[in-house]
């Protein structure tokens, strides 16, 4: 398990378990919304805080489900792109989201 995920567990896991997955998921989605706003508004000075918050809530959700973010990330992306296996990805570019 990542040091970051362990630290978030030390600080919040008891509280997060009491809140449950649904309540924690709502907090996560709220933080993702704040990150999106900061990116869209070009609020460079706010990005570090918002990325850290999203990362912490993602770590919490993984912990509530007994998952290690580092382990599952390595497992999925160890061979490169999960679809084409290339590094960098050689898949056709998707159409941009507008």
PDB file of N, CA and C in Angstrom:
ATOM      1  N   UNK A   1       0.847  -1.182   0.000  1.00  0.00           N
ATOM      2  CA  UNK A   1       0.000   0.000   0.000  1.00  0.00           C
ATOM      3  C   UNK A   1       0.889   1.241   0.000  1.00  0.00           C
ATOM      4  N   UNK A   2       0.431   2.247  -0.681  1.00  0.00           N
ATOM      5  CA  UNK A   2       1.212   3.476  -0.765  1.00  0.00           C
ATOM      6  C   UNK A   2       1.304   4.154   0.593  1.00  0.00           C
ATOM      7  N   UNK A   3       2.377   4.856   0.787  1.00  0.00           N
ATOM      8  CA  UNK A   3       2.552   5.618   2.019  1.00  0.00           C
ATOM      9  C   UNK A   3       1.440   6.640   2.158  1.00  0.00           C
ATOM     10  N   UNK A   4       1.057   7.285   1.047  1.00  0.00           N
ATOM     11  CA  UNK A   4      -0.011   8.276   1.095  1.00  0.00           C
ATOM     12  C   UNK A   4      -1.325   7.638   1.540  1.00  0.00           C
ATOM     13  N   UNK A   5      -1.686   6.527   0.949  1.00  0.00           N
ATOM     14  CA  UNK A   5      -2.937   5.865   1.311  1.00  0.00           C
ATOM     15  C   UNK A   5      -2.908   5.429   2.773  1.00  0.00           C
ATOM     16  N   UNK A   6      -1.778   4.930   3.234  1.00  0.00           N
ATOM     17  CA  UNK A   6      -1.658   4.548   4.648  1.00  0.00           C
ATOM     18  C   UNK A   6      -1.853   5.757   5.560  1.00  0.00           C
ATOM     19  N   UNK A   7      -1.264   6.887   5.175  1.00  0.00           N
ATOM     20  CA  UNK A   7      -1.387   8.100   5.990  1.00  0.00           C
ATOM     21  C   UNK A   7      -2.839   8.558   6.050  1.00  0.00           C
ATOM     22  N   UNK A   8      -3.527   8.518   4.931  1.00  0.00           N
ATOM     23  CA  UNK A   8      -4.942   8.911   4.913  1.00  0.00           C
ATOM     24  C   UNK A   8      -5.753   7.964   5.800  1.00  0.00           C
ATOM     25  N   UNK A   9      -5.424   6.674   5.781  1.00  0.00           N
ATOM     26  CA  UNK A   9      -6.106   5.719   6.668  1.00  0.00           C
ATOM     27  C   UNK A   9      -5.852   6.066   8.128  1.00  0.00           C
ATOM     28  N   UNK A  10      -4.607   6.380   8.470  1.00  0.00           N
ATOM     29  CA  UNK A  10      -4.277   6.728   9.857  1.00  0.00           C
ATOM     30  C   UNK A  10      -5.085   7.934  10.329  1.00  0.00           C
ATOM     31  N   UNK A  11      -5.249   8.893   9.449  1.00  0.00           N
ATOM     32  CA  UNK A  11      -5.931  10.132   9.823  1.00  0.00           C
ATOM     33  C   UNK A  11      -7.453   9.968   9.824  1.00  0.00           C
ATOM     34  N   UNK A  12      -8.017   9.290   8.821  1.00  0.00           N
ATOM     35  CA  UNK A  12      -9.460   9.350   8.583  1.00  0.00           C
ATOM     36  C   UNK A  12     -10.227   8.038   8.545  1.00  0.00           C
ATOM     37  N   UNK A  13      -9.573   6.876   8.522  1.00  0.00           N
ATOM     38  CA  UNK A  13     -10.297   5.635   8.225  1.00  0.00           C
ATOM     39  C   UNK A  13     -11.446   5.353   9.195  1.00  0.00           C
ATOM     40  N   UNK A  14     -11.245   5.588  10.469  1.00  0.00           N
ATOM     41  CA  UNK A  14     -12.317   5.334  11.439  1.00  0.00           C
ATOM     42  C   UNK A  14     -13.551   6.179  11.109  1.00  0.00           C
ATOM     43  N   UNK A  15     -13.328   7.448  10.852  1.00  0.00           N
ATOM     44  CA  UNK A  15     -14.419   8.366  10.503  1.00  0.00           C
ATOM     45  C   UNK A  15     -15.054   7.967   9.162  1.00  0.00           C
ATOM     46  N   UNK A  16     -14.204   7.586   8.193  1.00  0.00           N
ATOM     47  CA  UNK A  16     -14.715   7.218   6.872  1.00  0.00           C
ATOM     48  C   UNK A  16     -15.555   5.948   6.921  1.00  0.00           C
ATOM     49  N   UNK A  17     -15.134   4.986   7.719  1.00  0.00           N
ATOM     50  CA  UNK A  17     -15.938   3.757   7.870  1.00  0.00           C
ATOM     51  C   UNK A  17     -17.299   4.075   8.472  1.00  0.00           C
ATOM     52  N   UNK A  18     -17.316   4.969   9.468  1.00  0.00           N
ATOM     53  CA  UNK A  18     -18.582   5.341  10.102  1.00  0.00           C
ATOM     54  C   UNK A  18     -19.504   6.059   9.105  1.00  0.00           C
ATOM     55  N   UNK A  19     -18.923   6.870   8.212  1.00  0.00           N
ATOM     56  CA  UNK A  19     -19.692   7.598   7.207  1.00  0.00           C
ATOM     57  C   UNK A  19     -20.208   6.641   6.139  1.00  0.00           C
ATOM     58  N   UNK A  20     -19.408   5.637   5.813  1.00  0.00           N
ATOM     59  CA  UNK A  20     -19.791   4.647   4.805  1.00  0.00           C
ATOM     60  C   UNK A  20     -19.431   5.076   3.395  1.00  0.00           C
ATOM     61  N   UNK A  21     -19.576   4.133   2.500  1.00  0.00           N
ATOM     62  CA  UNK A  21     -19.198   4.360   1.110  1.00  0.00           C
ATOM     63  C   UNK A  21     -20.040   5.451   0.462  1.00  0.00           C
ATOM     64  N   UNK A  22     -21.342   5.434   0.651  1.00  0.00           N
ATOM     65  CA  UNK A  22     -22.211   6.401  -0.028  1.00  0.00           C
ATOM     66  C   UNK A  22     -21.885   7.834   0.386  1.00  0.00           C
ATOM     67  N   UNK A  23     -21.735   8.071   1.687  1.00  0.00           N
ATOM     68  CA  UNK A  23     -21.392   9.409   2.160  1.00  0.00           C
ATOM     69  C   UNK A  23     -20.021   9.842   1.684  1.00  0.00           C
ATOM     70  N   UNK A  24     -19.081   8.914   1.695  1.00  0.00           N
ATOM     71  CA  UNK A  24     -17.725   9.216   1.246  1.00  0.00           C
ATOM     72  C   UNK A  24     -17.711   9.499  -0.246  1.00  0.00           C
ATOM     73  N   UNK A  25     -18.492   8.761  -0.997  1.00  0.00           N
ATOM     74  CA  UNK A  25     -18.582   8.981  -2.434  1.00  0.00           C
ATOM     75  C   UNK A  25     -19.090  10.389  -2.752  1.00  0.00           C
ATOM     76  N   UNK A  26     -20.039  10.870  -1.980  1.00  0.00           N
ATOM     77  CA  UNK A  26     -20.546  12.232  -2.189  1.00  0.00           C
ATOM     78  C   UNK A  26     -19.448  13.271  -1.959  1.00  0.00           C
ATOM     79  N   UNK A  27     -18.642  13.074  -0.915  1.00  0.00           N
ATOM     80  CA  UNK A  27     -17.521  13.988  -0.657  1.00  0.00           C
ATOM     81  C   UNK A  27     -16.528  13.943  -1.809  1.00  0.00           C
ATOM     82  N   UNK A  28     -16.224  12.750  -2.309  1.00  0.00           N
ATOM     83  CA  UNK A  28     -15.293  12.589  -3.424  1.00  0.00           C
ATOM     84  C   UNK A  28     -15.794  13.352  -4.653  1.00  0.00           C
ATOM     85  N   UNK A  29     -17.056  13.162  -4.997  1.00  0.00           N
ATOM     86  CA  UNK A  29     -17.627  13.812  -6.175  1.00  0.00           C
ATOM     87  C   UNK A  29     -17.600  15.332  -6.008  1.00  0.00           C
ATOM     88  N   UNK A  30     -17.872  15.816  -4.816  1.00  0.00           N
ATOM     89  CA  UNK A  30     -17.809  17.261  -4.562  1.00  0.00           C
ATOM     90  C   UNK A  30     -16.393  17.785  -4.807  1.00  0.00           C
ATOM     91  N   UNK A  31     -15.399  17.054  -4.329  1.00  0.00           N
ATOM     92  CA  UNK A  31     -14.006  17.474  -4.525  1.00  0.00           C
ATOM     93  C   UNK A  31     -13.602  17.426  -5.992  1.00  0.00           C
ATOM     94  N   UNK A  32     -14.079  16.427  -6.730  1.00  0.00           N
ATOM     95  CA  UNK A  32     -13.806  16.376  -8.172  1.00  0.00           C
ATOM     96  C   UNK A  32     -14.408  17.608  -8.846  1.00  0.00           C
ATOM     97  N   UNK A  33     -15.593  17.993  -8.436  1.00  0.00           N
ATOM     98  CA  UNK A  33     -16.217  19.204  -8.986  1.00  0.00           C
ATOM     99  C   UNK A  33     -15.390  20.444  -8.710  1.00  0.00           C
ATOM    100  N   UNK A  34     -14.830  20.548  -7.501  1.00  0.00           N
ATOM    101  CA  UNK A  34     -13.981  21.691  -7.165  1.00  0.00           C
ATOM    102  C   UNK A  34     -12.708  21.690  -8.007  1.00  0.00           C
ATOM    103  N   UNK A  35     -12.152  20.515  -8.274  1.00  0.00           N
ATOM    104  CA  UNK A  35     -10.967  20.413  -9.123  1.00  0.00           C
ATOM    105  C   UNK A  35     -11.296  20.840 -10.547  1.00  0.00           C
ATOM    106  N   UNK A  36     -12.414  20.378 -11.065  1.00  0.00           N
ATOM    107  CA  UNK A  36     -12.830  20.750 -12.414  1.00  0.00           C
ATOM    108  C   UNK A  36     -12.979  22.272 -12.511  1.00  0.00           C
ATOM    109  N   UNK A  37     -13.613  22.868 -11.528  1.00  0.00           N
ATOM    110  CA  UNK A  37     -13.787  24.325 -11.513  1.00  0.00           C
ATOM    111  C   UNK A  37     -12.440  25.046 -11.529  1.00  0.00           C
ATOM    112  N   UNK A  38     -11.518  24.587 -10.706  1.00  0.00           N
ATOM    113  CA  UNK A  38     -10.195  25.222 -10.641  1.00  0.00           C
ATOM    114  C   UNK A  38      -9.462  25.107 -11.970  1.00  0.00           C
ATOM    115  N   UNK A  39      -9.577  23.944 -12.618  1.00  0.00           N
ATOM    116  CA  UNK A  39      -8.928  23.758 -13.919  1.00  0.00           C
ATOM    117  C   UNK A  39      -9.568  24.666 -14.964  1.00  0.00           C
ATOM    118  N   UNK A  40     -10.880  24.662 -15.023  1.00  0.00           N
ATOM    119  CA  UNK A  40     -11.588  25.471 -16.037  1.00  0.00           C
ATOM    120  C   UNK A  40     -11.354  26.964 -15.850  1.00  0.00           C
ATOM    121  N   UNK A  41     -11.232  27.394 -14.618  1.00  0.00           N
ATOM    122  CA  UNK A  41     -11.021  28.823 -14.341  1.00  0.00           C
ATOM    123  C   UNK A  41      -9.544  29.216 -14.403  1.00  0.00           C
ATOM    124  N   UNK A  42      -8.691  28.227 -14.585  1.00  0.00           N
ATOM    125  CA  UNK A  42      -7.257  28.517 -14.640  1.00  0.00           C
ATOM    126  C   UNK A  42      -6.691  28.966 -13.305  1.00  0.00           C
ATOM    127  N   UNK A  43      -7.262  28.476 -12.213  1.00  0.00           N
ATOM    128  CA  UNK A  43      -6.830  28.857 -10.867  1.00  0.00           C
ATOM    129  C   UNK A  43      -5.618  28.040 -10.439  1.00  0.00           C
ATOM    130  N   UNK A  44      -4.499  28.348 -11.038  1.00  0.00           N
ATOM    131  CA  UNK A  44      -3.264  27.591 -10.815  1.00  0.00           C
ATOM    132  C   UNK A  44      -2.917  27.486  -9.329  1.00  0.00           C
ATOM    133  N   UNK A  45      -3.122  28.549  -8.579  1.00  0.00           N
ATOM    134  CA  UNK A  45      -2.776  28.545  -7.150  1.00  0.00           C
ATOM    135  C   UNK A  45      -3.660  27.616  -6.331  1.00  0.00           C
ATOM    136  N   UNK A  46      -4.791  27.196  -6.864  1.00  0.00           N
ATOM    137  CA  UNK A  46      -5.725  26.325  -6.147  1.00  0.00           C
ATOM    138  C   UNK A  46      -5.595  24.857  -6.570  1.00  0.00           C
ATOM    139  N   UNK A  47      -4.869  24.577  -7.653  1.00  0.00           N
ATOM    140  CA  UNK A  47      -4.812  23.224  -8.195  1.00  0.00           C
ATOM    141  C   UNK A  47      -4.181  22.222  -7.234  1.00  0.00           C
ATOM    142  N   UNK A  48      -3.090  22.586  -6.577  1.00  0.00           N
ATOM    143  CA  UNK A  48      -2.437  21.640  -5.664  1.00  0.00           C
ATOM    144  C   UNK A  48      -3.394  21.172  -4.583  1.00  0.00           C
ATOM    145  N   UNK A  49      -4.110  22.110  -3.983  1.00  0.00           N
ATOM    146  CA  UNK A  49      -5.056  21.757  -2.918  1.00  0.00           C
ATOM    147  C   UNK A  49      -6.152  20.846  -3.447  1.00  0.00           C
ATOM    148  N   UNK A  50      -6.713  21.169  -4.596  1.00  0.00           N
ATOM    149  CA  UNK A  50      -7.814  20.381  -5.133  1.00  0.00           C
ATOM    150  C   UNK A  50      -7.350  18.995  -5.586  1.00  0.00           C
ATOM    151  N   UNK A  51      -6.175  18.904  -6.222  1.00  0.00           N
ATOM    152  CA  UNK A  51      -5.647  17.584  -6.591  1.00  0.00           C
ATOM    153  C   UNK A  51      -5.401  16.747  -5.336  1.00  0.00           C
ATOM    154  N   UNK A  52      -4.847  17.351  -4.294  1.00  0.00           N
ATOM    155  CA  UNK A  52      -4.586  16.622  -3.053  1.00  0.00           C
ATOM    156  C   UNK A  52      -5.881  16.120  -2.427  1.00  0.00           C
ATOM    157  N   UNK A  53      -6.914  16.956  -2.435  1.00  0.00           N
ATOM    158  CA  UNK A  53      -8.206  16.543  -1.876  1.00  0.00           C
ATOM    159  C   UNK A  53      -8.806  15.374  -2.653  1.00  0.00           C
ATOM    160  N   UNK A  54      -8.776  15.456  -3.986  1.00  0.00           N
ATOM    161  CA  UNK A  54      -9.321  14.371  -4.806  1.00  0.00           C
ATOM    162  C   UNK A  54      -8.545  13.083  -4.560  1.00  0.00           C
ATOM    163  N   UNK A  55      -7.213  13.191  -4.498  1.00  0.00           N
ATOM    164  CA  UNK A  55      -6.364  12.028  -4.254  1.00  0.00           C
ATOM    165  C   UNK A  55      -6.668  11.409  -2.892  1.00  0.00           C
ATOM    166  N   UNK A  56      -6.861  12.232  -1.874  1.00  0.00           N
ATOM    167  CA  UNK A  56      -7.162  11.727  -0.534  1.00  0.00           C
ATOM    168  C   UNK A  56      -8.506  11.007  -0.496  1.00  0.00           C
ATOM    169  N   UNK A  57      -9.525  11.592  -1.128  1.00  0.00           N
ATOM    170  CA  UNK A  57     -10.835  10.947  -1.128  1.00  0.00           C
ATOM    171  C   UNK A  57     -10.832   9.675  -1.967  1.00  0.00           C
ATOM    172  N   UNK A  58     -10.065   9.653  -3.058  1.00  0.00           N
ATOM    173  CA  UNK A  58      -9.925   8.437  -3.862  1.00  0.00           C
ATOM    174  C   UNK A  58      -9.240   7.347  -3.039  1.00  0.00           C
ATOM    175  N   UNK A  59      -8.201   7.722  -2.293  1.00  0.00           N
ATOM    176  CA  UNK A  59      -7.513   6.762  -1.425  1.00  0.00           C
ATOM    177  C   UNK A  59      -8.472   6.216  -0.373  1.00  0.00           C
ATOM    178  N   UNK A  60      -9.293   7.075   0.181  1.00  0.00           N
ATOM    179  CA  UNK A  60     -10.283   6.643   1.176  1.00  0.00           C
ATOM    180  C   UNK A  60     -11.260   5.641   0.581  1.00  0.00           C
ATOM    181  N   UNK A  61     -11.774   5.938  -0.602  1.00  0.00           N
ATOM    182  CA  UNK A  61     -12.714   5.009  -1.237  1.00  0.00           C
ATOM    183  C   UNK A  61     -12.054   3.664  -1.513  1.00  0.00           C
ATOM    184  N   UNK A  62     -10.816   3.688  -1.977  1.00  0.00           N
ATOM    185  CA  UNK A  62     -10.093   2.434  -2.216  1.00  0.00           C
ATOM    186  C   UNK A  62      -9.940   1.665  -0.909  1.00  0.00           C
ATOM    187  N   UNK A  63      -9.576   2.349   0.160  1.00  0.00           N
ATOM    188  CA  UNK A  63      -9.402   1.690   1.457  1.00  0.00           C
ATOM    189  C   UNK A  63     -10.708   1.082   1.956  1.00  0.00           C
ATOM    190  N   UNK A  64     -11.804   1.803   1.789  1.00  0.00           N
ATOM    191  CA  UNK A  64     -13.103   1.270   2.216  1.00  0.00           C
ATOM    192  C   UNK A  64     -13.471  -0.001   1.469  1.00  0.00           C
ATOM    193  N   UNK A  65     -12.891  -0.188   0.289  1.00  0.00           N
ATOM    194  CA  UNK A  65     -13.147  -1.390  -0.500  1.00  0.00           C
ATOM    195  C   UNK A  65     -12.006  -2.399  -0.417  1.00  0.00           C
ATOM    196  N   UNK A  66     -11.045  -2.151   0.479  1.00  0.00           N
ATOM    197  CA  UNK A  66      -9.948  -3.091   0.681  1.00  0.00           C
ATOM    198  C   UNK A  66      -8.967  -3.145  -0.483  1.00  0.00           C
ATOM    199  N   UNK A  67      -8.839  -2.040  -1.212  1.00  0.00           N
ATOM    200  CA  UNK A  67      -7.955  -1.997  -2.372  1.00  0.00           C
ATOM    201  C   UNK A  67      -6.743  -1.105  -2.111  1.00  0.00           C
ATOM    202  N   UNK A  68      -5.622  -1.484  -2.686  1.00  0.00           N
ATOM    203  CA  UNK A  68      -4.382  -0.728  -2.610  1.00  0.00           C
ATOM    204  C   UNK A  68      -4.202  -0.013  -3.946  1.00  0.00           C
ATOM    205  N   UNK A  69      -4.286   1.318  -3.945  1.00  0.00           N
ATOM    206  CA  UNK A  69      -4.208   2.080  -5.191  1.00  0.00           C
ATOM    207  C   UNK A  69      -2.924   1.812  -5.960  1.00  0.00           C
ATOM    208  N   UNK A  70      -1.806   1.753  -5.268  1.00  0.00           N
ATOM    209  CA  UNK A  70      -0.531   1.494  -5.936  1.00  0.00           C
ATOM    210  C   UNK A  70      -0.548   0.139  -6.639  1.00  0.00           C
ATOM    211  N   UNK A  71      -1.017  -0.863  -5.925  1.00  0.00           N
ATOM    212  CA  UNK A  71      -1.041  -2.225  -6.473  1.00  0.00           C
ATOM    213  C   UNK A  71      -1.947  -2.336  -7.694  1.00  0.00           C
ATOM    214  N   UNK A  72      -3.144  -1.794  -7.602  1.00  0.00           N
ATOM    215  CA  UNK A  72      -4.070  -1.927  -8.728  1.00  0.00           C
ATOM    216  C   UNK A  72      -3.625  -1.082  -9.916  1.00  0.00           C
ATOM    217  N   UNK A  73      -2.975   0.054  -9.647  1.00  0.00           N
ATOM    218  CA  UNK A  73      -2.450   0.872 -10.740  1.00  0.00           C
ATOM    219  C   UNK A  73      -1.323   0.165 -11.474  1.00  0.00           C
ATOM    220  N   UNK A  74      -0.401  -0.416 -10.702  1.00  0.00           N
ATOM    221  CA  UNK A  74       0.697  -1.167 -11.324  1.00  0.00           C
ATOM    222  C   UNK A  74       0.164  -2.351 -12.116  1.00  0.00           C
ATOM    223  N   UNK A  75      -0.791  -3.054 -11.548  1.00  0.00           N
ATOM    224  CA  UNK A  75      -1.345  -4.242 -12.199  1.00  0.00           C
ATOM    225  C   UNK A  75      -1.960  -3.886 -13.557  1.00  0.00           C
ATOM    226  N   UNK A  76      -2.726  -2.822 -13.595  1.00  0.00           N
ATOM    227  CA  UNK A  76      -3.418  -2.470 -14.832  1.00  0.00           C
ATOM    228  C   UNK A  76      -2.486  -1.878 -15.884  1.00  0.00           C
ATOM    229  N   UNK A  77      -1.477  -1.093 -15.462  1.00  0.00           N
ATOM    230  CA  UNK A  77      -0.665  -0.348 -16.422  1.00  0.00           C
ATOM    231  C   UNK A  77       0.783  -0.828 -16.526  1.00  0.00           C
ATOM    232  N   UNK A  78       1.128  -1.934 -15.918  1.00  0.00           N
ATOM    233  CA  UNK A  78       2.507  -2.428 -15.929  1.00  0.00           C
ATOM    234  C   UNK A  78       3.029  -2.690 -17.338  1.00  0.00           C
ATOM    235  N   UNK A  79       2.180  -3.191 -18.215  1.00  0.00           N
ATOM    236  CA  UNK A  79       2.604  -3.526 -19.577  1.00  0.00           C
ATOM    237  C   UNK A  79       2.405  -2.370 -20.542  1.00  0.00           C
ATOM    238  N   UNK A  80       2.003  -1.213 -20.033  1.00  0.00           N
ATOM    239  CA  UNK A  80       1.722  -0.058 -20.892  1.00  0.00           C
ATOM    240  C   UNK A  80       0.231   0.178 -20.994  1.00  0.00           C
ATOM    241  N   UNK A  81      -0.192   0.695 -22.117  1.00  0.00           N
ATOM    242  CA  UNK A  81      -1.607   0.947 -22.348  1.00  0.00           C
ATOM    243  C   UNK A  81      -2.371  -0.376 -22.219  1.00  0.00           C
ATOM    244  N   UNK A  82      -3.434  -0.414 -21.424  1.00  0.00           N
ATOM    245  CA  UNK A  82      -4.188  -1.662 -21.266  1.00  0.00           C
ATOM    246  C   UNK A  82      -4.789  -2.202 -22.568  1.00  0.00           C
ATOM    247  N   UNK A  83      -5.018  -1.336 -23.549  1.00  0.00           N
ATOM    248  CA  UNK A  83      -5.609  -1.788 -24.816  1.00  0.00           C
ATOM    249  C   UNK A  83      -4.558  -2.239 -25.822  1.00  0.00           C
ATOM    250  N   UNK A  84      -3.559  -1.380 -26.082  1.00  0.00           N
ATOM    251  CA  UNK A  84      -2.595  -1.710 -27.140  1.00  0.00           C
ATOM    252  C   UNK A  84      -1.254  -2.196 -26.593  1.00  0.00           C
ATOM    253  N   UNK A  85      -1.054  -2.077 -25.292  1.00  0.00           N
ATOM    254  CA  UNK A  85       0.187  -2.497 -24.606  1.00  0.00           C
ATOM    255  C   UNK A  85       1.411  -1.662 -24.971  1.00  0.00           C
ATOM    256  N   UNK A  86       1.237  -0.584 -25.707  1.00  0.00           N
ATOM    257  CA  UNK A  86       2.372   0.241 -26.109  1.00  0.00           C
ATOM    258  C   UNK A  86       2.659   1.328 -25.091  1.00  0.00           C
ATOM    259  N   UNK A  87       3.923   1.777 -25.071  1.00  0.00           N
ATOM    260  CA  UNK A  87       4.352   2.916 -24.268  1.00  0.00           C
ATOM    261  C   UNK A  87       5.183   3.812 -25.173  1.00  0.00           C
ATOM    262  N   UNK A  88       4.736   4.993 -25.541  1.00  0.00           N
ATOM    263  CA  UNK A  88       3.432   5.562 -25.210  1.00  0.00           C
ATOM    264  C   UNK A  88       2.302   4.868 -25.979  1.00  0.00           C
ATOM    265  N   UNK A  89       1.100   5.127 -25.552  1.00  0.00           N
ATOM    266  CA  UNK A  89      -0.083   4.521 -26.160  1.00  0.00           C
ATOM    267  C   UNK A  89      -0.113   4.782 -27.663  1.00  0.00           C
ATOM    268  N   UNK A  90      -0.452   3.736 -28.415  1.00  0.00           N
ATOM    269  CA  UNK A  90      -0.556   3.847 -29.870  1.00  0.00           C
ATOM    270  C   UNK A  90      -1.998   3.701 -30.357  1.00  0.00           C
ATOM    271  N   UNK A  91      -2.950   3.708 -29.433  1.00  0.00           N
ATOM    272  CA  UNK A  91      -4.361   3.618 -29.811  1.00  0.00           C
ATOM    273  C   UNK A  91      -4.754   4.853 -30.614  1.00  0.00           C
ATOM    274  N   UNK A  92      -5.726   4.723 -31.516  1.00  0.00           N
ATOM    275  CA  UNK A  92      -6.218   5.908 -32.227  1.00  0.00           C
ATOM    276  C   UNK A  92      -6.738   6.926 -31.213  1.00  0.00           C
ATOM    277  N   UNK A  93      -6.490   8.196 -31.482  1.00  0.00           N
ATOM    278  CA  UNK A  93      -6.954   9.249 -30.570  1.00  0.00           C
ATOM    279  C   UNK A  93      -8.467   9.323 -30.583  1.00  0.00           C
ATOM    280  N   UNK A  94      -9.081   9.403 -29.389  1.00  0.00           N
ATOM    281  CA  UNK A  94     -10.542   9.579 -29.349  1.00  0.00           C
ATOM    282  C   UNK A  94     -10.886  11.003 -29.751  1.00  0.00           C
ATOM    283  N   UNK A  95     -12.125  11.188 -30.131  1.00  0.00           N
ATOM    284  CA  UNK A  95     -12.588  12.536 -30.446  1.00  0.00           C
ATOM    285  C   UNK A  95     -12.557  13.362 -29.178  1.00  0.00           C
ATOM    286  N   UNK A  96     -12.133  14.629 -29.261  1.00  0.00           N
ATOM    287  CA  UNK A  96     -12.060  15.465 -28.066  1.00  0.00           C
ATOM    288  C   UNK A  96     -13.451  15.755 -27.495  1.00  0.00           C
ATOM    289  N   UNK A  97     -13.512  15.867 -26.188  1.00  0.00           N
ATOM    290  CA  UNK A  97     -14.752  16.231 -25.503  1.00  0.00           C
ATOM    291  C   UNK A  97     -14.862  17.741 -25.530  1.00  0.00           C
ATOM    292  N   UNK A  98     -16.021  18.238 -25.937  1.00  0.00           N
ATOM    293  CA  UNK A  98     -16.208  19.697 -25.997  1.00  0.00           C
ATOM    294  C   UNK A  98     -17.195  20.155 -24.975  1.00  0.00           C
TER     295      UNK A  98
END
